[in-house]
Protein backbone atom coordinates (compact mmCIF):
# COMPACT_ATOMS: atom_id res chain seq x y z
CA MET A 1 2.90 -8.18 33.40
CA SER A 2 -0.04 -10.25 32.20
CA ASN A 3 -2.35 -8.48 34.67
CA SER A 4 -1.22 -5.11 33.27
CA LEU A 5 -1.86 -6.27 29.72
CA ASP A 6 -5.27 -7.59 30.70
CA ARG A 7 -6.18 -4.28 32.33
CA LEU A 8 -5.03 -2.27 29.29
CA THR A 9 -6.97 -4.58 26.99
CA LEU A 10 -10.11 -3.99 29.03
CA ILE A 11 -9.58 -0.22 28.74
CA ALA A 12 -9.13 -0.46 24.96
CA GLU A 13 -12.19 -2.66 24.60
CA GLY A 14 -14.19 -0.26 26.76
CA VAL A 15 -13.38 2.65 24.42
CA LEU A 16 -14.47 0.55 21.44
CA ASN A 17 -17.65 -0.55 23.24
CA MET A 18 -18.49 3.03 24.31
CA ASP A 19 -18.50 1.98 27.97
CA VAL A 20 -17.78 5.21 29.85
CA ALA A 21 -18.33 3.75 33.33
CA GLY A 22 -16.27 0.66 32.57
CA VAL A 23 -13.35 2.61 31.13
CA SER A 24 -13.34 4.99 34.09
CA ALA A 25 -13.31 2.07 36.53
CA HIS A 26 -10.53 0.24 34.70
CA VAL A 27 -8.41 3.39 34.40
CA ARG A 28 -8.74 4.01 38.15
CA ALA A 29 -7.80 0.38 38.80
CA ALA A 30 -4.81 0.65 36.45
CA ILE A 31 -3.58 3.72 38.33
CA ASP A 32 -4.00 1.92 41.66
CA GLU A 33 -2.09 -1.07 40.26
CA GLY A 34 0.85 1.17 39.43
CA ILE A 35 0.57 1.04 35.65
CA SER A 36 2.29 4.04 34.07
CA PRO A 37 -0.17 6.78 33.04
CA LEU A 38 1.65 7.03 29.73
CA GLU A 39 1.13 3.31 29.20
CA ILE A 40 -2.55 3.61 30.11
CA VAL A 41 -2.94 6.20 27.36
CA ALA A 42 -0.70 4.58 24.74
CA ASN A 43 -1.70 0.93 25.15
CA GLY A 44 -5.17 1.32 26.60
CA LEU A 45 -7.12 4.42 25.61
CA SER A 46 -5.24 5.14 22.39
CA GLN A 47 -5.30 1.51 21.31
CA GLY A 48 -9.07 1.62 21.64
CA MET A 49 -9.25 4.74 19.49
CA ARG A 50 -7.04 3.12 16.84
CA THR A 51 -9.47 0.21 16.63
CA VAL A 52 -12.35 2.67 16.41
CA GLY A 53 -10.58 4.29 13.45
CA GLU A 54 -10.05 0.96 11.71
CA GLN A 55 -13.68 -0.03 12.13
CA PHE A 56 -14.89 3.38 10.94
CA ARG A 57 -12.62 3.12 7.90
CA ASP A 58 -13.99 -0.33 7.09
CA GLY A 59 -17.61 0.77 7.47
CA GLU A 60 -18.21 -1.40 10.54
CA ILE A 61 -19.22 1.55 12.71
CA PHE A 62 -20.51 5.04 11.91
CA MET A 63 -20.08 8.60 13.13
CA PRO A 64 -22.53 8.42 16.08
CA GLU A 65 -20.56 5.49 17.51
CA VAL A 66 -17.26 7.29 16.87
CA LEU A 67 -18.45 10.33 18.80
CA VAL A 68 -19.48 8.24 21.82
CA SER A 69 -16.15 6.41 21.70
CA CYS A 70 -14.44 9.82 21.75
CA ASP A 71 -16.42 10.75 24.86
CA THR A 72 -15.38 7.45 26.43
CA TYR A 73 -11.74 8.09 25.59
CA TYR A 74 -11.94 11.53 27.20
CA ALA A 75 -13.53 10.10 30.36
CA GLY A 76 -10.47 7.92 30.82
CA LEU A 77 -8.01 10.60 29.77
CA LYS A 78 -9.44 13.02 32.33
CA LEU A 79 -8.38 10.65 35.10
CA VAL A 80 -4.77 10.24 33.95
CA GLN A 81 -4.14 13.72 32.51
CA PRO A 82 -2.92 15.24 35.81
CA LEU A 83 -0.49 12.32 36.22
CA ILE A 84 0.75 12.65 32.65
CA GLU A 85 1.41 16.37 33.08
CA ALA A 86 3.48 15.55 36.16
CA CYS A 87 5.68 13.09 34.24
CA ALA A 88 9.09 14.53 33.46
CA ASP A 89 9.52 12.07 30.61
CA ARG A 90 6.36 13.09 28.81
CA LEU A 91 6.94 12.93 25.08
CA SER A 92 5.00 14.62 22.30
CA LYS A 93 5.17 13.87 18.60
CA GLY A 94 4.49 17.51 17.88
CA LYS A 95 2.20 20.42 18.67
CA ILE A 96 -0.96 21.22 16.73
CA VAL A 97 -3.07 24.36 16.82
CA LEU A 98 -6.50 23.43 15.51
CA GLY A 99 -9.80 25.20 14.96
CA THR A 100 -12.85 25.25 12.72
CA ILE A 101 -12.32 27.94 10.10
CA HIS A 102 -14.19 31.26 10.27
CA GLY A 103 -17.78 31.12 9.06
CA ASP A 104 -18.16 27.47 10.10
CA ILE A 105 -19.78 26.56 13.42
CA HIS A 106 -19.90 22.77 12.98
CA THR A 107 -18.18 20.84 15.75
CA VAL A 108 -18.52 17.15 14.76
CA GLY A 109 -15.31 16.87 12.73
CA LYS A 110 -13.22 18.71 15.31
CA ASP A 111 -14.75 16.73 18.15
CA VAL A 112 -13.47 13.56 16.49
CA ALA A 113 -10.11 14.91 15.35
CA VAL A 114 -8.94 16.33 18.68
CA PRO A 115 -9.08 13.06 20.68
CA VAL A 116 -7.68 11.09 17.75
CA PHE A 117 -4.69 13.44 17.47
CA ARG A 118 -4.13 13.41 21.22
CA ALA A 119 -4.43 9.64 21.30
CA ALA A 120 -1.73 9.48 18.62
CA GLY A 121 0.64 11.45 20.85
CA PHE A 122 0.27 15.01 19.58
CA GLU A 123 -0.22 18.00 21.85
CA VAL A 124 -3.36 19.79 20.65
CA ILE A 125 -4.45 23.36 21.31
CA ASP A 126 -8.15 23.54 20.42
CA LEU A 127 -9.20 27.05 19.34
CA GLY A 128 -12.88 26.13 18.94
CA ILE A 129 -15.23 26.99 16.08
CA ASP A 130 -15.65 29.99 13.76
CA VAL A 131 -12.00 30.91 14.33
CA ALA A 132 -10.86 34.21 12.80
CA ASP A 133 -7.66 34.38 10.76
CA GLU A 134 -6.16 36.71 13.35
CA THR A 135 -6.80 34.13 16.06
CA PHE A 136 -4.83 31.50 14.15
CA VAL A 137 -1.97 33.99 13.76
CA GLU A 138 -2.04 34.86 17.47
CA ALA A 139 -2.10 31.16 18.38
CA ILE A 140 0.96 30.45 16.24
CA LEU A 141 2.84 33.28 17.94
CA GLN A 142 1.77 32.16 21.40
CA HIS A 143 2.04 28.37 21.15
CA ARG A 144 4.70 27.92 18.44
CA PRO A 145 3.05 24.84 16.93
CA ASP A 146 4.48 22.51 14.31
CA ILE A 147 1.14 22.13 12.53
CA VAL A 148 -1.99 24.24 12.04
CA GLY A 149 -5.24 22.37 11.47
CA LEU A 150 -8.06 24.15 9.63
CA GLY A 151 -11.38 22.36 10.12
CA THR A 152 -14.25 22.89 7.73
CA TYR A 153 -17.59 21.18 7.22
CA MET A 154 -18.84 23.09 4.18
CA THR A 155 -17.36 23.70 0.73
CA SER A 156 -18.01 27.44 1.06
CA THR A 157 -15.95 27.70 4.24
CA PHE A 158 -13.26 25.38 2.87
CA MET A 159 -12.64 28.04 0.23
CA HIS A 160 -11.71 30.43 3.06
CA THR A 161 -8.51 28.41 3.45
CA GLY A 162 -6.70 30.72 1.05
CA GLU A 163 -7.53 33.76 3.20
CA THR A 164 -6.32 32.06 6.38
CA VAL A 165 -3.09 30.90 4.76
CA LYS A 166 -2.55 34.42 3.39
CA ALA A 167 -2.97 35.90 6.88
CA ILE A 168 -0.35 33.50 8.21
CA GLU A 169 1.98 34.43 5.34
CA LEU A 170 1.54 38.17 5.91
CA ALA A 171 2.44 37.64 9.57
CA GLY A 172 5.72 36.07 8.43
CA LEU A 173 4.83 32.71 9.99
CA ARG A 174 4.12 30.47 7.02
CA ASP A 175 7.53 28.81 6.97
CA ARG A 176 7.21 27.85 10.66
CA VAL A 177 4.21 25.53 10.27
CA LYS A 178 2.63 22.86 8.14
CA ILE A 179 -1.04 23.50 7.40
CA ILE A 180 -3.58 20.70 7.04
CA CYS A 181 -7.27 21.05 6.22
CA GLY A 182 -9.78 18.58 7.60
CA GLY A 183 -13.46 17.80 7.21
CA PRO A 184 -15.95 16.24 4.82
CA ALA A 185 -15.76 19.18 2.40
CA VAL A 186 -11.99 19.16 1.86
CA ASP A 187 -10.02 18.10 -1.18
CA ASP A 188 -6.25 17.63 -1.08
CA ARG A 189 -5.52 19.07 -4.51
CA THR A 190 -7.66 22.15 -3.91
CA ALA A 191 -6.17 22.64 -0.44
CA ARG A 192 -2.69 22.75 -1.94
CA LYS A 193 -3.83 25.28 -4.55
CA LEU A 194 -5.16 27.40 -1.70
CA GLY A 195 -1.76 27.32 -0.02
CA ALA A 196 -2.13 24.50 2.53
CA ASP A 197 0.20 21.50 2.68
CA GLY A 198 -2.51 18.86 2.54
CA ALA A 199 -6.06 17.85 3.42
CA THR A 200 -7.99 14.82 4.59
CA ASP A 201 -11.56 13.91 5.46
CA ASN A 202 -10.35 11.21 7.86
CA ALA A 203 -8.71 12.03 11.20
CA TRP A 204 -6.74 8.80 11.29
CA ALA A 205 -5.32 9.43 7.81
CA GLY A 206 -4.47 12.93 9.04
CA VAL A 207 -2.37 11.39 11.83
CA GLU A 208 -0.35 9.44 9.25
CA THR A 209 0.27 12.59 7.23
CA MET A 210 1.33 14.62 10.26
CA GLU A 211 3.56 11.85 11.58
CA ALA A 212 5.30 11.81 8.20
CA TRP A 213 5.79 15.59 8.35
CA MET A 214 7.29 15.38 11.83
CA ALA A 215 9.61 12.54 10.83
CA GLU A 216 10.78 14.54 7.82
CA ALA A 217 11.41 17.63 9.97
CA GLN A 218 13.63 15.62 12.32
CA ARG A 219 15.91 14.32 9.59
């Protein structure tokens, strides 16, 4: 047991330290040692990302370090993903369809949010950047998500939220999903006025909001 905990700690520390080679090596070793792939993600890779979030929140690290930590997390996840998909007992907190709103081609916010959400236990369908309203509607019909994430980097594109929400309403799908806006340009009060259910400029705070929504839905 102690060896497993030591190995998972090394994986978590590797994510925090942006050590791609080290994390990959420790994940391979953990698999060889028989540690559950779900445990590798939950108590190794995801624990590292949680610490990254805490340090970013406290101003101890900055966005360039966060992005490299995300790459490190993905390097480890790539090794265990096939094993996770083969697990019959795979659990998901919920499903998210996420994309950067139409007119916005910035990727930084989404590139942070996707691994953070996956590390928290959500299934994420990434639609990419400059996503048309119709694409969000089609994705809701196809994937039946619990939550739709609208990413935006600029105030001008954030104001497109109302159009996207309206398209989802006209398709008769609004009552099926919660809608959250994310990015440095968002404002929670304005997002609600535009028809969304909330907004955050912090991916880790977004996880807390979405976890609360999922808990409420299961009551």
